[in-house]
Protein backbone atom coordinates (compact mmCIF):
# COMPACT_ATOMS: atom_id res chain seq x y z
CA UNK A 1 -13.74 15.45 16.58
CA UNK A 2 -14.26 15.06 12.84
CA UNK A 3 -17.70 14.43 11.38
CA UNK A 4 -18.41 10.71 11.08
CA UNK A 5 -18.75 10.65 7.30
CA UNK A 6 -20.47 7.28 6.97
CA UNK A 7 -23.08 7.92 9.63
CA UNK A 8 -23.64 11.47 8.38
CA UNK A 9 -24.13 10.17 4.83
CA UNK A 10 -26.65 7.56 5.98
CA UNK A 11 -28.45 10.07 8.20
CA UNK A 12 -28.98 12.22 5.11
CA UNK A 13 -30.19 9.44 2.81
CA UNK A 14 -31.10 6.19 4.58
CA UNK A 15 -34.66 7.01 5.65
CA UNK A 16 -35.61 9.09 2.62
CA UNK A 17 -34.26 6.92 -0.19
CA UNK A 18 -36.34 4.07 -1.61
CA UNK A 19 -33.65 1.79 -3.02
CA UNK A 20 -30.81 1.25 -0.59
CA UNK A 21 -28.04 -0.51 -2.47
CA UNK A 22 -25.23 0.18 -0.02
CA UNK A 23 -26.55 -1.22 3.27
CA UNK A 24 -24.10 -3.14 5.43
CA UNK A 25 -26.52 -5.40 7.30
CA UNK A 26 -28.45 -8.53 6.44
CA UNK A 27 -32.22 -8.52 5.95
CA UNK A 28 -33.95 -7.72 9.22
CA UNK A 29 -36.88 -9.40 10.98
CA UNK A 30 -40.26 -8.39 12.31
CA UNK A 31 -40.31 -8.84 16.06
CA UNK A 32 -43.16 -11.35 15.76
CA UNK A 33 -40.84 -13.57 13.68
CA UNK A 34 -38.22 -13.63 16.43
CA UNK A 35 -40.78 -14.28 19.16
CA UNK A 36 -42.22 -17.15 17.13
CA UNK A 37 -38.81 -18.87 17.42
CA UNK A 38 -38.76 -18.61 21.23
CA UNK A 39 -38.70 -21.72 23.37
CA UNK A 40 -41.00 -22.08 26.36
CA UNK A 41 -38.16 -20.98 28.64
CA UNK A 42 -37.41 -17.96 26.45
CA UNK A 43 -41.05 -16.89 26.47
CA UNK A 44 -41.13 -17.07 30.26
CA UNK A 45 -38.22 -14.64 30.37
CA UNK A 46 -40.00 -12.37 27.87
CA UNK A 47 -43.39 -12.44 29.58
CA UNK A 48 -41.95 -11.90 33.07
CA UNK A 49 -39.55 -9.16 31.99
CA UNK A 50 -39.43 -5.99 34.08
CA UNK A 51 -38.36 -2.75 32.43
CA UNK A 52 -35.76 -1.91 35.03
CA UNK A 53 -32.00 -1.39 34.82
CA UNK A 54 -30.07 -4.45 33.70
CA UNK A 55 -26.70 -5.81 34.77
CA UNK A 56 -23.90 -3.62 33.39
CA UNK A 57 -21.85 -6.54 31.97
CA UNK A 58 -25.00 -7.90 30.33
CA UNK A 59 -27.61 -10.49 31.25
CA UNK A 60 -25.79 -13.54 32.58
CA UNK A 61 -27.66 -16.09 30.46
CA UNK A 62 -27.13 -13.93 27.36
CA UNK A 63 -23.36 -13.71 27.94
CA UNK A 64 -23.25 -17.46 28.54
CA UNK A 65 -25.15 -18.08 25.31
CA UNK A 66 -22.86 -15.76 23.32
CA UNK A 67 -19.83 -17.64 24.67
CA UNK A 68 -21.26 -21.13 24.13
CA UNK A 69 -22.64 -20.33 20.69
CA UNK A 70 -19.81 -18.31 19.15
CA UNK A 71 -16.59 -18.60 21.21
CA UNK A 72 -15.47 -22.17 21.86
CA UNK A 73 -13.61 -22.48 25.15
CA UNK A 74 -14.75 -19.12 26.56
CA UNK A 75 -17.33 -18.53 29.29
CA UNK A 76 -19.79 -15.79 30.21
CA UNK A 77 -17.02 -14.08 32.21
CA UNK A 78 -15.15 -13.57 28.93
CA UNK A 79 -18.06 -11.61 27.38
CA UNK A 80 -18.96 -7.95 27.97
CA UNK A 81 -22.17 -6.64 26.39
CA UNK A 82 -22.72 -3.22 24.79
CA UNK A 83 -25.39 -1.15 23.06
CA UNK A 84 -24.21 -2.16 19.60
CA UNK A 85 -20.72 -2.54 18.15
CA UNK A 86 -20.02 1.20 18.01
CA UNK A 87 -20.13 1.50 21.80
CA UNK A 88 -17.81 -1.49 22.18
CA UNK A 89 -15.31 0.03 19.75
CA UNK A 90 -15.38 3.38 21.54
CA UNK A 91 -15.09 1.96 25.06
CA UNK A 92 -12.41 -0.60 24.23
CA UNK A 93 -10.09 1.66 22.24
CA UNK A 94 -10.59 4.57 24.65
CA UNK A 95 -9.62 2.24 27.52
CA UNK A 96 -6.78 0.40 25.85
CA UNK A 97 -4.86 3.23 24.17
CA UNK A 98 -2.65 5.81 25.89
CA UNK A 99 -1.09 8.98 24.37
CA UNK A 100 2.39 7.44 24.29
CA UNK A 101 1.23 4.44 22.23
CA UNK A 102 1.52 3.54 18.57
CA UNK A 103 -1.44 1.91 16.81
CA UNK A 104 -1.62 0.08 13.47
CA UNK A 105 -4.92 0.23 11.55
CA UNK A 106 -5.86 -1.57 8.35
CA UNK A 107 -7.65 0.76 5.91
CA UNK A 108 -10.07 1.53 4.33
CA UNK A 109 -11.96 1.15 7.56
CA UNK A 110 -14.88 2.20 9.73
CA UNK A 111 -13.98 5.71 10.79
CA UNK A 112 -14.04 4.94 14.53
CA UNK A 113 -10.86 2.90 14.16
CA UNK A 114 -9.00 6.06 13.20
CA UNK A 115 -10.88 8.79 15.07
CA UNK A 116 -10.89 7.23 18.55
CA UNK A 117 -7.09 6.74 18.60
CA UNK A 118 -6.79 10.32 17.34
CA UNK A 119 -8.70 11.48 20.43
CA UNK A 120 -5.92 9.97 22.54
CA UNK A 121 -3.31 11.70 20.32
CA UNK A 122 -1.46 8.48 19.60
CA UNK A 123 0.89 7.70 16.73
CA UNK A 124 -1.12 5.92 14.00
CA UNK A 125 0.17 3.85 11.08
CA UNK A 126 -2.37 3.08 8.37
CA UNK A 127 -1.77 -0.02 6.25
CA UNK A 128 -3.95 0.07 3.17
CA UNK A 129 -5.43 -3.14 1.81
CA UNK A 130 -4.76 -3.34 -1.92
CA UNK A 131 -7.13 -4.35 -4.69
CA UNK A 132 -4.28 -5.88 -6.72
CA UNK A 133 -3.68 -8.22 -3.77
CA UNK A 134 -7.39 -9.15 -3.63
CA UNK A 135 -7.77 -6.91 -0.53
CA UNK A 136 -5.99 -9.57 1.55
CA UNK A 137 -4.13 -8.82 4.76
CA UNK A 138 -0.39 -8.15 4.32
CA UNK A 139 1.44 -9.61 7.31
CA UNK A 140 4.84 -8.40 6.10
CA UNK A 141 3.59 -4.81 5.91
CA UNK A 142 2.20 -5.11 9.44
CA UNK A 143 5.43 -6.54 10.79
CA UNK A 144 7.41 -3.78 9.10
CA UNK A 145 5.15 -1.09 10.65
CA UNK A 146 5.62 -2.28 14.25
CA UNK A 147 7.48 0.08 16.56
CA UNK A 148 8.83 -0.34 20.08
CA UNK A 149 5.70 1.35 21.46
CA UNK A 150 3.10 -0.41 19.29
CA UNK A 151 0.19 -1.10 21.62
CA UNK A 152 -2.52 -2.42 19.34
CA UNK A 153 -3.26 -3.68 15.83
CA UNK A 154 -6.81 -3.01 14.62
CA UNK A 155 -8.33 -5.30 12.00
CA UNK A 156 -11.80 -5.93 10.55
CA UNK A 157 -12.60 -9.22 8.82
CA UNK A 158 -14.84 -10.00 7.04
CA UNK A 159 -13.86 -6.58 5.83
CA UNK A 160 -16.08 -3.54 5.40
CA UNK A 161 -16.17 -2.35 2.61
CA UNK A 162 -14.36 -4.98 0.49
CA UNK A 163 -15.92 -8.22 1.79
CA UNK A 164 -12.52 -9.91 2.09
CA UNK A 165 -11.97 -12.51 4.83
CA UNK A 166 -8.98 -13.49 6.92
CA UNK A 167 -8.11 -17.16 6.63
CA UNK A 168 -7.01 -19.24 9.59
CA UNK A 169 -3.34 -19.38 8.63
CA UNK A 170 -3.29 -15.60 8.12
CA UNK A 171 -4.93 -14.97 11.49
CA UNK A 172 -2.58 -17.36 13.27
CA UNK A 173 0.35 -15.63 11.57
CA UNK A 174 -0.92 -12.27 12.84
CA UNK A 175 -1.38 -13.70 16.34
CA UNK A 176 2.22 -14.94 16.28
CA UNK A 177 3.40 -11.43 15.39
CA UNK A 178 1.34 -9.87 18.18
CA UNK A 179 2.34 -12.49 20.73
CA UNK A 180 6.06 -12.08 20.00
CA UNK A 181 5.80 -8.35 20.80
CA UNK A 182 3.07 -8.40 23.47
CA UNK A 183 0.75 -6.36 21.22
CA UNK A 184 -3.01 -6.26 21.65
CA UNK A 185 -5.12 -7.42 18.71
CA UNK A 186 -8.44 -5.60 18.27
CA UNK A 187 -10.51 -7.69 15.87
CA UNK A 188 -13.84 -6.42 14.52
CA UNK A 189 -15.65 -9.63 13.52
CA UNK A 190 -19.22 -8.33 13.17
CA UNK A 191 -19.74 -10.10 9.81
CA UNK A 192 -18.29 -13.45 10.84
CA UNK A 193 -20.42 -16.44 9.69
CA UNK A 194 -22.16 -14.28 7.06
CA UNK A 195 -20.92 -14.98 3.55
CA UNK A 196 -19.50 -17.65 1.29
CA UNK A 197 -15.75 -17.96 1.99
CA UNK A 198 -13.58 -20.28 -0.10
CA UNK A 199 -12.28 -21.96 3.07
CA UNK A 200 -13.84 -22.60 6.45
CA UNK A 201 -14.17 -19.64 8.81
CA UNK A 202 -11.13 -18.74 10.89
CA UNK A 203 -11.77 -18.96 14.66
CA UNK A 204 -12.49 -15.72 16.52
CA UNK A 205 -9.27 -13.97 17.47
CA UNK A 206 -10.27 -14.05 21.15
CA UNK A 207 -10.20 -17.86 21.04
CA UNK A 208 -6.63 -17.91 19.73
CA UNK A 209 -4.85 -15.21 21.70
CA UNK A 210 -5.05 -14.01 25.30
CA UNK A 211 -4.51 -10.37 24.29
CA UNK A 212 -7.16 -10.31 21.59
CA UNK A 213 -10.49 -8.46 21.73
CA UNK A 214 -13.16 -9.83 19.38
CA UNK A 215 -16.11 -7.55 18.57
CA UNK A 216 -19.48 -9.09 17.74
CA UNK A 217 -22.98 -7.71 17.26
CA UNK A 218 -26.53 -8.74 16.40
CA UNK A 219 -26.76 -6.00 13.75
CA UNK A 220 -24.85 -7.42 10.78
CA UNK A 221 -24.83 -11.20 10.29
CA UNK A 222 -28.04 -11.64 12.28
CA UNK A 223 -29.85 -8.71 10.64
CA UNK A 224 -31.08 -7.26 13.93
CA UNK A 225 -29.57 -3.77 14.00
CA UNK A 226 -32.54 -2.34 15.90
CA UNK A 227 -31.71 -4.39 18.98
CA UNK A 228 -28.49 -2.44 19.65
CA UNK A 229 -26.88 -5.52 21.16
CA UNK A 230 -23.14 -6.03 20.75
CA UNK A 231 -20.26 -7.45 22.75
CA UNK A 232 -16.54 -7.92 23.21
CA UNK A 233 -15.06 -11.36 23.84
CA UNK A 234 -11.65 -11.69 25.47
CA UNK A 235 -9.69 -14.17 27.56
CA UNK A 236 -8.42 -11.24 29.63
CA UNK A 237 -11.09 -10.55 32.24
CA UNK A 238 -9.07 -7.71 33.76
CA UNK A 239 -9.21 -5.64 30.56
CA UNK A 240 -12.93 -6.36 30.24
CA UNK A 241 -13.45 -4.94 33.74
CA UNK A 242 -11.54 -1.77 32.78
CA UNK A 243 -13.61 -1.44 29.60
CA UNK A 244 -16.76 -1.89 31.67
CA UNK A 245 -15.69 1.08 33.80
CA UNK A 246 -15.63 3.15 30.61
CA UNK A 247 -19.07 1.81 29.68
CA UNK A 248 -20.36 3.32 32.93
CA UNK A 249 -19.92 6.70 31.22
CA UNK A 250 -21.87 5.67 28.11
CA UNK A 251 -24.91 3.36 28.11
CA UNK A 252 -24.32 1.90 31.62
CA UNK A 253 -26.37 -1.16 30.66
CA UNK A 254 -28.32 -2.73 27.82
CA UNK A 255 -32.03 -2.58 26.99
CA UNK A 256 -33.86 -5.34 28.88
CA UNK A 257 -36.20 -6.33 25.98
CA UNK A 258 -33.30 -6.26 23.51
CA UNK A 259 -31.30 -8.69 25.64
CA UNK A 260 -34.12 -11.26 25.62
CA UNK A 261 -34.72 -10.87 21.88
CA UNK A 262 -30.99 -11.29 21.31
CA UNK A 263 -31.05 -14.43 23.44
CA UNK A 264 -33.90 -15.90 21.38
CA UNK A 265 -32.05 -15.12 18.15
CA UNK A 266 -28.84 -16.76 19.36
CA UNK A 267 -30.80 -19.85 20.37
CA UNK A 268 -31.86 -19.96 16.69
CA UNK A 269 -28.47 -18.98 15.25
CA UNK A 270 -28.31 -21.67 12.57
CA UNK A 271 -31.81 -20.99 11.27
CA UNK A 272 -31.22 -17.23 11.06
CA UNK A 273 -27.80 -17.51 9.42
CA UNK A 274 -29.06 -20.08 6.92
CA UNK A 275 -31.82 -17.69 5.84
CA UNK A 276 -29.46 -14.70 5.58
CA UNK A 277 -26.78 -16.62 3.69
CA UNK A 278 -29.46 -17.88 1.28
CA UNK A 279 -30.32 -14.25 0.47
CA UNK A 280 -26.63 -13.45 0.01
CA UNK A 281 -26.01 -16.34 -2.35
CA UNK A 282 -28.93 -15.39 -4.60
CA UNK A 283 -27.95 -11.72 -4.62
CA UNK A 284 -24.29 -12.44 -5.33
CA UNK A 285 -25.29 -14.47 -8.39
CA UNK A 286 -27.32 -11.51 -9.63
CA UNK A 287 -24.46 -9.09 -9.00
CA UNK A 288 -21.96 -11.27 -10.83
CA UNK A 289 -24.28 -11.32 -13.85
CA UNK A 290 -24.77 -7.55 -13.58
CA UNK A 291 -21.05 -6.80 -13.44
CA UNK A 292 -20.39 -9.16 -16.36
CA UNK A 293 -23.05 -7.31 -18.36
CA UNK A 294 -21.46 -3.96 -17.48
CA UNK A 295 -17.83 -5.08 -17.38
CA UNK A 296 -16.88 -1.97 -19.36
CA UNK A 297 -18.07 0.14 -16.40
CA UNK A 298 -17.46 -1.89 -13.24
CA UNK A 299 -14.94 -4.26 -11.72
CA UNK A 300 -14.72 -5.90 -8.30
CA UNK A 301 -13.03 -8.58 -6.25
CA UNK A 302 -15.90 -10.89 -5.37
CA UNK A 303 -16.58 -10.68 -1.61
CA UNK A 304 -16.13 -13.82 0.46
CA UNK A 305 -17.62 -12.61 3.73
CA UNK A 306 -20.20 -10.14 4.95
CA UNK A 307 -22.79 -8.48 2.72
CA UNK A 308 -20.86 -5.60 1.16
CA UNK A 309 -18.40 -5.29 -1.69
CA UNK A 310 -16.12 -2.58 -3.06
CA UNK A 311 -16.70 -1.87 -6.75
CA UNK A 312 -14.43 0.15 -9.03
CA UNK A 313 -16.21 2.45 -11.47
CA UNK A 314 -14.23 2.67 -14.73
CA UNK A 315 -16.03 5.72 -16.09
CA UNK A 316 -14.50 9.17 -16.26
CA UNK A 317 -17.02 10.79 -13.90
CA UNK A 318 -15.96 11.27 -10.28
CA UNK A 319 -17.72 8.60 -8.22
CA UNK A 320 -19.21 11.10 -5.76
CA UNK A 321 -20.98 12.86 -8.64
CA UNK A 322 -22.08 9.53 -10.13
CA UNK A 323 -23.60 8.40 -6.81
CA UNK A 324 -25.31 11.74 -6.25
CA UNK A 325 -26.96 11.69 -9.66
CA UNK A 326 -28.05 8.07 -9.16
CA UNK A 327 -29.81 8.81 -5.88
CA UNK A 328 -31.41 11.99 -7.20
CA UNK A 329 -32.64 10.51 -10.49
CA UNK A 330 -33.54 6.93 -9.51
CA UNK A 331 -33.59 6.88 -5.72
CA UNK A 332 -30.78 4.31 -5.61
CA UNK A 333 -28.16 4.79 -2.90
CA UNK A 334 -24.55 3.68 -3.26
CA UNK A 335 -21.70 4.75 -0.98
CA UNK A 336 -18.70 6.47 -2.62
CA UNK A 337 -15.18 5.63 -1.48
CA UNK A 338 -14.68 9.16 -0.14
CA UNK A 339 -16.88 8.20 2.83
CA UNK A 340 -13.98 5.95 3.85
CA UNK A 341 -11.40 8.67 3.12
CA UNK A 342 -10.28 6.43 0.28
CA UNK A 343 -9.14 8.29 -2.81
CA UNK A 344 -10.41 6.19 -5.69
CA UNK A 345 -13.43 5.73 -7.92
CA UNK A 346 -14.78 2.83 -5.85
CA UNK A 347 -18.18 2.58 -4.22
CA UNK A 348 -19.64 0.26 -1.61
CA UNK A 349 -22.52 -1.95 -2.65
CA UNK A 350 -24.68 -3.95 -0.23
CA UNK A 351 -26.37 -7.24 -1.09
CA UNK A 352 -27.84 -8.56 2.15
CA UNK A 353 -31.48 -7.64 1.61
CA UNK A 354 -34.44 -9.19 -0.19
CA UNK A 355 -35.10 -6.15 -2.39
CA UNK A 356 -31.68 -6.00 -3.98
CA UNK A 357 -33.07 -7.23 -7.35
CA UNK A 358 -35.43 -4.22 -7.43
CA UNK A 359 -32.58 -1.88 -6.49
CA UNK A 360 -30.42 -3.38 -9.21
CA UNK A 361 -33.16 -2.95 -11.81
CA UNK A 362 -33.40 0.75 -10.99
CA UNK A 363 -29.63 0.97 -11.25
CA UNK A 364 -29.86 -0.66 -14.68
CA UNK A 365 -32.49 1.88 -15.76
CA UNK A 366 -30.13 4.70 -14.80
CA UNK A 367 -27.28 3.22 -16.84
CA UNK A 368 -29.60 2.68 -19.83
CA UNK A 369 -30.87 6.26 -19.80
CA UNK A 370 -27.31 7.54 -19.47
CA UNK A 371 -26.25 5.41 -22.46
CA UNK A 372 -23.45 3.93 -20.36
């Protein structure tokens, strides 16, 4: 298996670098903040919690709350919990895909979407989102790529690293394509409800199509990556049971305290998302000003969803070298496009955290001293 470039890059820099300007999650919380939001009933669950094994599919009341809060029309039996989104991606794709299958993946993408199908030695078609098309999904390209043995189409919206969203008519068009061919739709939606889209959010894919798998997590939009609580939503309970059998070889079950903390957070969904989107809005305004000031160096398609964007560096220096010098000289971390196996002079920037203005000021100091 190939080295996971993104995780390897963060393992090298994330906990030793002061100014993280590439992070893909919203501002986190102290545990005391989450507990202060708990209802009387939630606190009873917390105070009476035993540190024993938990139910493999996930705590029943947590799955019910995920369904009621985020997936209209689905029930707790349509939700399967995992230790973060990464485990759900691994278990689902490992279960769903067979060696004789063909898979379509939108790129640039989180490396798991490519590497896990490679483990099954399947035929993979990559469809690259294009900056000149505002990083939007291209339904005609997807339709053209379909083969007689296409098993699954893998998408991620809001998109990491570009911040583009999928609008409702686009998603329904993709569902129509999948439904006409009996193709599974694997939809990574971990940034859904985080961001400032031009139109209202599209529904989760799992609510529109009976062969869709929607991935969610507490890490990104909710800013609670340390919980390691994620899930898959699907109308197809039989496939969820098969995926659960794969989970028995990984985490088996979730952390008991994390499940209760996740439950409390979901009971306060609107409050948490309002706070995180407030941070995003302020930071996006600062970034727009910054990129206007340095328009001779940088260009981007303004993100509509999530808390990351993909910025093109117009300078002559290779972006990997630029990013390395920035982190060494000013302690500011960006993520070069090569981490996504994307051959361009783009970098990922993150804007979901309170300290982004300080990070940006250090970035500005670097550019000033370099006379750029």
